[in-house]
N, C-alpha and C. Protein backbone atom coordinates (compact mmCIF):
# COMPACT_ATOMS: atom_id res chain seq x y z
N MET A 1 -46.71 -1.11 -43.37
CA MET A 1 -46.61 -1.28 -41.93
C MET A 1 -45.81 -2.52 -41.55
N ASP A 2 -45.88 -3.52 -42.42
CA ASP A 2 -45.14 -4.74 -42.12
C ASP A 2 -43.64 -4.49 -42.06
N TYR A 3 -43.15 -3.67 -42.97
CA TYR A 3 -41.71 -3.41 -42.96
C TYR A 3 -41.30 -2.64 -41.70
N LEU A 4 -42.19 -1.75 -41.19
CA LEU A 4 -41.90 -1.06 -39.94
C LEU A 4 -41.85 -2.04 -38.77
N ARG A 5 -42.79 -2.98 -38.76
CA ARG A 5 -42.79 -3.98 -37.70
C ARG A 5 -41.52 -4.83 -37.77
N LYS A 6 -41.13 -5.18 -38.99
CA LYS A 6 -39.91 -5.98 -39.17
C LYS A 6 -38.69 -5.19 -38.72
N ASP A 7 -38.63 -3.92 -39.08
CA ASP A 7 -37.50 -3.07 -38.66
C ASP A 7 -37.47 -2.92 -37.14
N MET A 8 -38.64 -2.71 -36.53
CA MET A 8 -38.71 -2.60 -35.08
C MET A 8 -38.28 -3.90 -34.41
N SER A 9 -38.69 -5.01 -34.99
CA SER A 9 -38.29 -6.31 -34.46
C SER A 9 -36.78 -6.50 -34.58
N ASP A 10 -36.21 -6.10 -35.72
CA ASP A 10 -34.76 -6.18 -35.91
C ASP A 10 -34.02 -5.29 -34.91
N ILE A 11 -34.55 -4.09 -34.69
CA ILE A 11 -33.93 -3.17 -33.72
C ILE A 11 -34.01 -3.76 -32.32
N ARG A 12 -35.17 -4.35 -31.99
CA ARG A 12 -35.33 -4.96 -30.67
C ARG A 12 -34.33 -6.10 -30.48
N HIS A 13 -34.16 -6.95 -31.49
CA HIS A 13 -33.21 -8.07 -31.40
C HIS A 13 -31.77 -7.56 -31.30
N SER A 14 -31.47 -6.52 -32.07
CA SER A 14 -30.13 -5.94 -32.00
C SER A 14 -29.87 -5.35 -30.62
N THR A 15 -30.87 -4.67 -30.07
CA THR A 15 -30.73 -4.09 -28.74
C THR A 15 -30.55 -5.17 -27.69
N GLU A 16 -31.32 -6.24 -27.79
CA GLU A 16 -31.19 -7.34 -26.83
C GLU A 16 -29.82 -8.00 -26.93
N ALA A 17 -29.33 -8.17 -28.17
CA ALA A 17 -28.00 -8.75 -28.35
C ALA A 17 -26.93 -7.83 -27.77
N LEU A 18 -27.10 -6.53 -27.99
CA LEU A 18 -26.15 -5.56 -27.45
C LEU A 18 -26.18 -5.58 -25.92
N CYS A 19 -27.36 -5.66 -25.33
CA CYS A 19 -27.49 -5.73 -23.87
C CYS A 19 -26.83 -6.99 -23.32
N ALA A 20 -27.03 -8.11 -24.00
CA ALA A 20 -26.41 -9.36 -23.56
C ALA A 20 -24.89 -9.27 -23.64
N GLU A 21 -24.39 -8.66 -24.72
CA GLU A 21 -22.94 -8.50 -24.86
C GLU A 21 -22.39 -7.57 -23.79
N MET A 22 -23.11 -6.50 -23.48
CA MET A 22 -22.67 -5.57 -22.44
C MET A 22 -22.68 -6.25 -21.07
N ARG A 23 -23.68 -7.09 -20.80
CA ARG A 23 -23.70 -7.83 -19.53
C ARG A 23 -22.50 -8.76 -19.43
N ALA A 24 -22.19 -9.44 -20.53
CA ALA A 24 -21.04 -10.36 -20.52
C ALA A 24 -19.74 -9.59 -20.30
N LEU A 25 -19.59 -8.46 -20.98
CA LEU A 25 -18.38 -7.66 -20.81
C LEU A 25 -18.28 -7.08 -19.39
N THR A 26 -19.42 -6.67 -18.85
CA THR A 26 -19.42 -6.15 -17.48
C THR A 26 -19.05 -7.23 -16.48
N ALA A 27 -19.58 -8.43 -16.67
CA ALA A 27 -19.24 -9.54 -15.77
C ALA A 27 -17.75 -9.87 -15.88
N GLU A 28 -17.22 -9.86 -17.10
CA GLU A 28 -15.80 -10.13 -17.30
C GLU A 28 -14.94 -9.06 -16.63
N LEU A 29 -15.35 -7.81 -16.79
CA LEU A 29 -14.62 -6.70 -16.17
C LEU A 29 -14.67 -6.80 -14.65
N CYS A 30 -15.82 -7.15 -14.09
CA CYS A 30 -15.95 -7.31 -12.64
C CYS A 30 -15.05 -8.43 -12.13
N ALA A 31 -15.00 -9.54 -12.86
CA ALA A 31 -14.14 -10.65 -12.45
C ALA A 31 -12.67 -10.24 -12.48
N GLU A 32 -12.28 -9.50 -13.52
CA GLU A 32 -10.89 -9.04 -13.62
C GLU A 32 -10.56 -8.06 -12.50
N MET A 33 -11.50 -7.16 -12.20
CA MET A 33 -11.28 -6.20 -11.12
C MET A 33 -11.17 -6.90 -9.76
N ASN A 34 -11.98 -7.94 -9.54
CA ASN A 34 -11.89 -8.69 -8.29
C ASN A 34 -10.54 -9.38 -8.17
N GLY A 35 -10.03 -9.91 -9.28
CA GLY A 35 -8.70 -10.53 -9.26
C GLY A 35 -7.62 -9.52 -8.95
N LEU A 36 -7.71 -8.34 -9.57
CA LEU A 36 -6.73 -7.29 -9.31
C LEU A 36 -6.82 -6.80 -7.87
N LYS A 37 -8.03 -6.73 -7.34
CA LYS A 37 -8.20 -6.30 -5.96
C LYS A 37 -7.57 -7.30 -5.00
N ALA A 38 -7.73 -8.58 -5.26
CA ALA A 38 -7.13 -9.60 -4.41
C ALA A 38 -5.60 -9.53 -4.50
N GLU A 39 -5.08 -9.32 -5.70
CA GLU A 39 -3.63 -9.20 -5.87
C GLU A 39 -3.09 -7.98 -5.13
N LEU A 40 -3.82 -6.88 -5.21
CA LEU A 40 -3.40 -5.66 -4.52
C LEU A 40 -3.41 -5.85 -3.01
N ARG A 41 -4.42 -6.55 -2.50
CA ARG A 41 -4.46 -6.81 -1.05
C ARG A 41 -3.28 -7.67 -0.62
N ALA A 42 -2.92 -8.66 -1.43
CA ALA A 42 -1.78 -9.51 -1.10
C ALA A 42 -0.49 -8.70 -1.09
N ARG A 43 -0.34 -7.83 -2.08
CA ARG A 43 0.87 -6.99 -2.12
C ARG A 43 0.92 -6.02 -0.95
N MET A 44 -0.23 -5.46 -0.58
CA MET A 44 -0.27 -4.54 0.54
C MET A 44 0.06 -5.26 1.85
N ALA A 45 -0.39 -6.49 2.00
CA ALA A 45 -0.07 -7.26 3.21
C ALA A 45 1.43 -7.53 3.28
N ALA A 46 2.04 -7.87 2.13
CA ALA A 46 3.49 -8.09 2.11
C ALA A 46 4.24 -6.81 2.44
N LEU A 47 3.76 -5.69 1.91
CA LEU A 47 4.39 -4.41 2.19
C LEU A 47 4.24 -4.03 3.66
N GLU A 48 3.11 -4.34 4.24
CA GLU A 48 2.89 -4.06 5.66
C GLU A 48 3.85 -4.87 6.53
N ARG A 49 4.09 -6.13 6.16
CA ARG A 49 5.05 -6.94 6.91
C ARG A 49 6.46 -6.35 6.80
N ARG A 50 6.81 -5.85 5.62
CA ARG A 50 8.13 -5.22 5.47
C ARG A 50 8.25 -3.99 6.35
N PHE A 51 7.20 -3.17 6.38
CA PHE A 51 7.24 -1.97 7.23
C PHE A 51 7.32 -2.34 8.70
N ASP A 52 6.67 -3.41 9.10
CA ASP A 52 6.76 -3.85 10.49
C ASP A 52 8.19 -4.23 10.85
N ARG A 53 8.86 -4.97 9.96
CA ARG A 53 10.26 -5.33 10.20
C ARG A 53 11.14 -4.10 10.22
N MET A 54 10.89 -3.16 9.31
CA MET A 54 11.69 -1.95 9.25
C MET A 54 11.46 -1.10 10.51
N ASP A 55 10.25 -1.09 11.02
CA ASP A 55 9.94 -0.34 12.23
C ASP A 55 10.76 -0.85 13.41
N VAL A 56 10.89 -2.16 13.53
CA VAL A 56 11.69 -2.74 14.60
C VAL A 56 13.14 -2.33 14.45
N ARG A 57 13.64 -2.36 13.22
CA ARG A 57 15.05 -1.98 12.99
C ARG A 57 15.29 -0.51 13.29
N VAL A 58 14.34 0.35 12.92
CA VAL A 58 14.49 1.77 13.20
C VAL A 58 14.47 2.01 14.71
N ASN A 59 13.62 1.30 15.44
CA ASN A 59 13.61 1.44 16.90
C ASN A 59 14.95 1.05 17.49
N TRP A 60 15.54 -0.04 17.01
CA TRP A 60 16.87 -0.44 17.49
C TRP A 60 17.89 0.63 17.16
N LEU A 61 17.85 1.16 15.96
CA LEU A 61 18.81 2.19 15.55
C LEU A 61 18.68 3.44 16.41
N ILE A 62 17.47 3.87 16.67
CA ILE A 62 17.26 5.04 17.53
C ILE A 62 17.77 4.77 18.93
N GLY A 63 17.55 3.58 19.46
CA GLY A 63 18.06 3.23 20.78
C GLY A 63 19.57 3.26 20.83
N ILE A 64 20.21 2.74 19.80
CA ILE A 64 21.68 2.74 19.75
C ILE A 64 22.21 4.16 19.67
N VAL A 65 21.60 5.00 18.85
CA VAL A 65 22.06 6.39 18.71
C VAL A 65 21.88 7.15 20.01
N VAL A 66 20.74 6.99 20.67
CA VAL A 66 20.50 7.70 21.94
C VAL A 66 21.49 7.21 23.00
N THR A 67 21.71 5.91 23.08
CA THR A 67 22.64 5.36 24.08
C THR A 67 24.06 5.85 23.82
N SER A 68 24.50 5.85 22.56
CA SER A 68 25.86 6.31 22.28
C SER A 68 25.98 7.81 22.52
N SER A 69 24.92 8.56 22.26
CA SER A 69 24.96 10.01 22.53
C SER A 69 25.09 10.26 24.03
N ILE A 70 24.33 9.54 24.83
CA ILE A 70 24.42 9.69 26.28
C ILE A 70 25.80 9.29 26.78
N ALA A 71 26.35 8.22 26.23
CA ALA A 71 27.70 7.78 26.63
C ALA A 71 28.74 8.83 26.25
N THR A 72 28.60 9.43 25.07
CA THR A 72 29.56 10.45 24.63
C THR A 72 29.46 11.69 25.51
N VAL A 73 28.25 12.12 25.80
CA VAL A 73 28.07 13.29 26.68
C VAL A 73 28.63 12.98 28.06
N GLY A 74 28.41 11.77 28.56
CA GLY A 74 28.96 11.39 29.86
C GLY A 74 30.48 11.37 29.86
N ALA A 75 31.08 10.87 28.77
CA ALA A 75 32.54 10.84 28.69
C ALA A 75 33.12 12.24 28.63
N VAL A 76 32.48 13.12 27.86
CA VAL A 76 32.96 14.50 27.77
C VAL A 76 32.78 15.21 29.11
N ALA A 77 31.65 14.98 29.77
CA ALA A 77 31.42 15.60 31.08
C ALA A 77 32.41 15.06 32.10
N GLY A 78 32.71 13.76 32.05
CA GLY A 78 33.69 13.18 32.97
C GLY A 78 35.08 13.74 32.72
N ALA A 79 35.46 13.90 31.46
CA ALA A 79 36.77 14.47 31.14
C ALA A 79 36.84 15.92 31.61
N PHE A 80 35.76 16.67 31.38
CA PHE A 80 35.74 18.06 31.81
C PHE A 80 35.80 18.15 33.34
N TRP A 81 35.09 17.28 34.03
CA TRP A 81 35.11 17.26 35.49
C TRP A 81 36.52 16.90 36.00
N GLY A 82 37.15 15.93 35.34
CA GLY A 82 38.51 15.57 35.73
C GLY A 82 39.48 16.72 35.51
N LEU A 83 39.30 17.46 34.40
CA LEU A 83 40.15 18.63 34.13
C LEU A 83 39.92 19.71 35.18
N LEU A 84 38.69 19.93 35.57
CA LEU A 84 38.41 20.92 36.63
C LEU A 84 39.00 20.49 37.96
N GLN A 85 38.96 19.19 38.29
CA GLN A 85 39.53 18.72 39.54
C GLN A 85 41.04 18.86 39.55
N SER A 86 41.68 18.67 38.40
CA SER A 86 43.15 18.77 38.38
C SER A 86 43.61 20.23 38.43
N LEU A 87 42.77 21.17 38.07
CA LEU A 87 43.14 22.59 38.12
C LEU A 87 43.00 23.18 39.53
N ARG A 88 42.35 22.53 40.42
CA ARG A 88 42.16 23.04 41.78
C ARG A 88 43.38 22.95 42.54
């Protein structure tokens, strides 16, 4: 019976050592994940600022295209109107 008690004691110590090692590895993994999460948030914030700047530029581009389209349609309509007036 003594050898069984000794074996059980050895198993208990091995299990406790394994649990302690798993806790340490889990804590290390959590710390690494928190660091990666912070880095990802920083990158996402930088990307969001880029999209904000790009959004402003796209709005300007759309405004320029719409304005030039209206000017072109007006010029063509004016030329057509002038041609109709000269044919009368």
